[in-house]
Amino acid sequence: MKRKYEGSTKVKRAQLQAMRREFEVLAMKEDESVDEYFSRTLVIANKMTSCGQRMEQVTVVE
């Protein structure tokens, strides 16, 4: 059971690291509306939160 939990933790950490990278390089596409961009941003932020990352609202908005 402990090994299974450790594996799960490693997977979450790897996923979180990938999402952090994605969040940091997030940019609005030329043909994208503000609503679409904001929606993509929130999807990434919500995934990060579900993996245990604490996100301040200010960070998401900036």
N, C-alpha and C. Protein backbone atom coordinates (compact mmCIF):
# COMPACT_ATOMS: atom_id res chain seq x y z
N MET A 1 0.83 -1.19 0.00
CA MET A 1 0.00 0.00 0.00
C MET A 1 0.88 1.25 0.00
N LYS A 2 1.95 1.21 0.78
CA LYS A 2 2.83 2.38 0.86
C LYS A 2 3.45 2.67 -0.51
N ARG A 3 3.88 1.64 -1.22
CA ARG A 3 4.47 1.83 -2.54
C ARG A 3 3.46 2.43 -3.51
N LYS A 4 2.24 1.96 -3.43
CA LYS A 4 1.20 2.49 -4.32
C LYS A 4 0.99 3.97 -4.03
N TYR A 5 0.96 4.35 -2.77
CA TYR A 5 0.76 5.75 -2.39
C TYR A 5 1.94 6.60 -2.86
N GLU A 6 3.16 6.10 -2.69
CA GLU A 6 4.35 6.83 -3.12
C GLU A 6 4.33 7.04 -4.63
N GLY A 7 3.92 6.04 -5.37
CA GLY A 7 3.82 6.17 -6.82
C GLY A 7 2.81 7.22 -7.21
N SER A 8 1.69 7.22 -6.51
CA SER A 8 0.65 8.21 -6.77
C SER A 8 1.17 9.62 -6.49
N THR A 9 1.95 9.76 -5.42
CA THR A 9 2.51 11.06 -5.07
C THR A 9 3.49 11.53 -6.14
N LYS A 10 4.31 10.62 -6.64
CA LYS A 10 5.28 10.97 -7.68
C LYS A 10 4.57 11.40 -8.96
N VAL A 11 3.51 10.69 -9.30
CA VAL A 11 2.75 11.03 -10.50
C VAL A 11 2.12 12.41 -10.35
N LYS A 12 1.53 12.68 -9.19
CA LYS A 12 0.92 14.00 -8.96
C LYS A 12 1.97 15.11 -9.04
N ARG A 13 3.14 14.85 -8.47
CA ARG A 13 4.21 15.85 -8.52
C ARG A 13 4.63 16.13 -9.96
N ALA A 14 4.76 15.08 -10.75
CA ALA A 14 5.16 15.24 -12.15
C ALA A 14 4.08 15.99 -12.93
N GLN A 15 2.82 15.65 -12.69
CA GLN A 15 1.72 16.35 -13.36
C GLN A 15 1.69 17.81 -12.96
N LEU A 16 1.88 18.08 -11.69
CA LEU A 16 1.87 19.44 -11.18
C LEU A 16 3.00 20.26 -11.80
N GLN A 17 4.16 19.66 -11.91
CA GLN A 17 5.30 20.35 -12.52
C GLN A 17 5.00 20.70 -13.98
N ALA A 18 4.39 19.78 -14.71
CA ALA A 18 4.04 20.03 -16.11
C ALA A 18 3.00 21.15 -16.21
N MET A 19 2.03 21.15 -15.30
CA MET A 19 1.01 22.19 -15.32
C MET A 19 1.58 23.55 -14.94
N ARG A 20 2.54 23.57 -14.01
CA ARG A 20 3.20 24.84 -13.66
C ARG A 20 3.90 25.43 -14.86
N ARG A 21 4.60 24.58 -15.61
CA ARG A 21 5.28 25.04 -16.83
C ARG A 21 4.27 25.60 -17.82
N GLU A 22 3.18 24.85 -18.01
CA GLU A 22 2.13 25.28 -18.94
C GLU A 22 1.53 26.62 -18.50
N PHE A 23 1.32 26.78 -17.19
CA PHE A 23 0.76 28.01 -16.65
C PHE A 23 1.72 29.18 -16.85
N GLU A 24 3.00 28.94 -16.64
CA GLU A 24 4.00 30.01 -16.74
C GLU A 24 4.18 30.51 -18.17
N VAL A 25 4.02 29.65 -19.16
CA VAL A 25 4.21 30.07 -20.55
C VAL A 25 2.88 30.38 -21.25
N LEU A 26 1.82 30.40 -20.49
CA LEU A 26 0.49 30.65 -21.03
C LEU A 26 0.44 32.02 -21.70
N ALA A 27 0.00 32.05 -22.92
CA ALA A 27 -0.14 33.31 -23.66
C ALA A 27 -1.39 33.22 -24.52
N MET A 28 -1.96 34.37 -24.77
CA MET A 28 -3.17 34.42 -25.58
C MET A 28 -2.80 34.22 -27.05
N LYS A 29 -3.55 33.37 -27.73
CA LYS A 29 -3.32 33.11 -29.15
C LYS A 29 -3.93 34.24 -29.97
N GLU A 30 -3.42 34.43 -31.18
CA GLU A 30 -3.89 35.53 -32.03
C GLU A 30 -5.38 35.45 -32.33
N ASP A 31 -5.87 34.26 -32.62
CA ASP A 31 -7.27 34.10 -33.01
C ASP A 31 -8.18 33.73 -31.83
N GLU A 32 -7.72 33.97 -30.62
CA GLU A 32 -8.44 33.56 -29.41
C GLU A 32 -9.11 34.77 -28.76
N SER A 33 -10.34 34.57 -28.31
CA SER A 33 -11.03 35.65 -27.59
C SER A 33 -10.55 35.67 -26.14
N VAL A 34 -10.83 36.77 -25.47
CA VAL A 34 -10.45 36.90 -24.06
C VAL A 34 -11.15 35.82 -23.24
N ASP A 35 -12.42 35.55 -23.54
CA ASP A 35 -13.16 34.51 -22.82
C ASP A 35 -12.51 33.13 -22.98
N GLU A 36 -12.07 32.81 -24.19
CA GLU A 36 -11.43 31.52 -24.43
C GLU A 36 -10.10 31.42 -23.68
N TYR A 37 -9.34 32.51 -23.70
CA TYR A 37 -8.06 32.54 -23.00
C TYR A 37 -8.27 32.38 -21.49
N PHE A 38 -9.22 33.13 -20.96
CA PHE A 38 -9.51 33.06 -19.53
C PHE A 38 -9.98 31.66 -19.15
N SER A 39 -10.78 31.05 -20.01
CA SER A 39 -11.26 29.69 -19.75
C SER A 39 -10.10 28.70 -19.71
N ARG A 40 -9.16 28.81 -20.66
CA ARG A 40 -7.98 27.94 -20.65
C ARG A 40 -7.16 28.13 -19.39
N THR A 41 -7.02 29.40 -18.98
CA THR A 41 -6.26 29.71 -17.77
C THR A 41 -6.90 29.06 -16.55
N LEU A 42 -8.22 29.18 -16.43
CA LEU A 42 -8.92 28.60 -15.29
C LEU A 42 -8.84 27.07 -15.28
N VAL A 43 -8.89 26.45 -16.43
CA VAL A 43 -8.79 24.99 -16.51
C VAL A 43 -7.45 24.54 -15.94
N ILE A 44 -6.38 25.20 -16.35
CA ILE A 44 -5.05 24.84 -15.85
C ILE A 44 -4.96 25.11 -14.35
N ALA A 45 -5.44 26.27 -13.91
CA ALA A 45 -5.39 26.62 -12.48
C ALA A 45 -6.19 25.62 -11.65
N ASN A 46 -7.35 25.21 -12.13
CA ASN A 46 -8.17 24.24 -11.39
C ASN A 46 -7.50 22.87 -11.32
N LYS A 47 -6.85 22.46 -12.40
CA LYS A 47 -6.12 21.19 -12.38
C LYS A 47 -4.98 21.25 -11.37
N MET A 48 -4.29 22.39 -11.33
CA MET A 48 -3.19 22.55 -10.38
C MET A 48 -3.71 22.49 -8.95
N THR A 49 -4.84 23.12 -8.70
CA THR A 49 -5.44 23.10 -7.37
C THR A 49 -5.84 21.68 -6.97
N SER A 50 -6.38 20.91 -7.92
CA SER A 50 -6.79 19.54 -7.61
C SER A 50 -5.59 18.64 -7.31
N CYS A 51 -4.40 19.04 -7.77
CA CYS A 51 -3.17 18.28 -7.47
C CYS A 51 -2.48 18.78 -6.22
N GLY A 52 -3.10 19.75 -5.54
CA GLY A 52 -2.56 20.21 -4.27
C GLY A 52 -1.85 21.54 -4.30
N GLN A 53 -1.78 22.19 -5.45
CA GLN A 53 -1.13 23.50 -5.55
C GLN A 53 -2.08 24.58 -5.04
N ARG A 54 -1.61 25.38 -4.09
CA ARG A 54 -2.42 26.50 -3.61
C ARG A 54 -2.19 27.67 -4.54
N MET A 55 -3.27 28.22 -5.06
CA MET A 55 -3.16 29.34 -5.99
C MET A 55 -3.96 30.52 -5.45
N GLU A 56 -3.34 31.67 -5.43
CA GLU A 56 -4.03 32.88 -5.04
C GLU A 56 -4.78 33.42 -6.25
N GLN A 57 -5.92 34.04 -6.02
CA GLN A 57 -6.70 34.61 -7.12
C GLN A 57 -5.88 35.64 -7.89
N VAL A 58 -5.04 36.38 -7.18
CA VAL A 58 -4.21 37.40 -7.82
C VAL A 58 -3.26 36.77 -8.82
N THR A 59 -2.70 35.63 -8.49
CA THR A 59 -1.78 34.93 -9.39
C THR A 59 -2.48 34.53 -10.67
N VAL A 60 -3.69 34.02 -10.55
CA VAL A 60 -4.44 33.57 -11.72
C VAL A 60 -4.79 34.76 -12.60
N VAL A 61 -5.18 35.87 -12.02
CA VAL A 61 -5.59 37.04 -12.79
C VAL A 61 -4.40 37.71 -13.46
N GLU A 62 -3.26 37.76 -12.78
CA GLU A 62 -2.09 38.42 -13.36
C GLU A 62 -1.70 37.72 -14.63
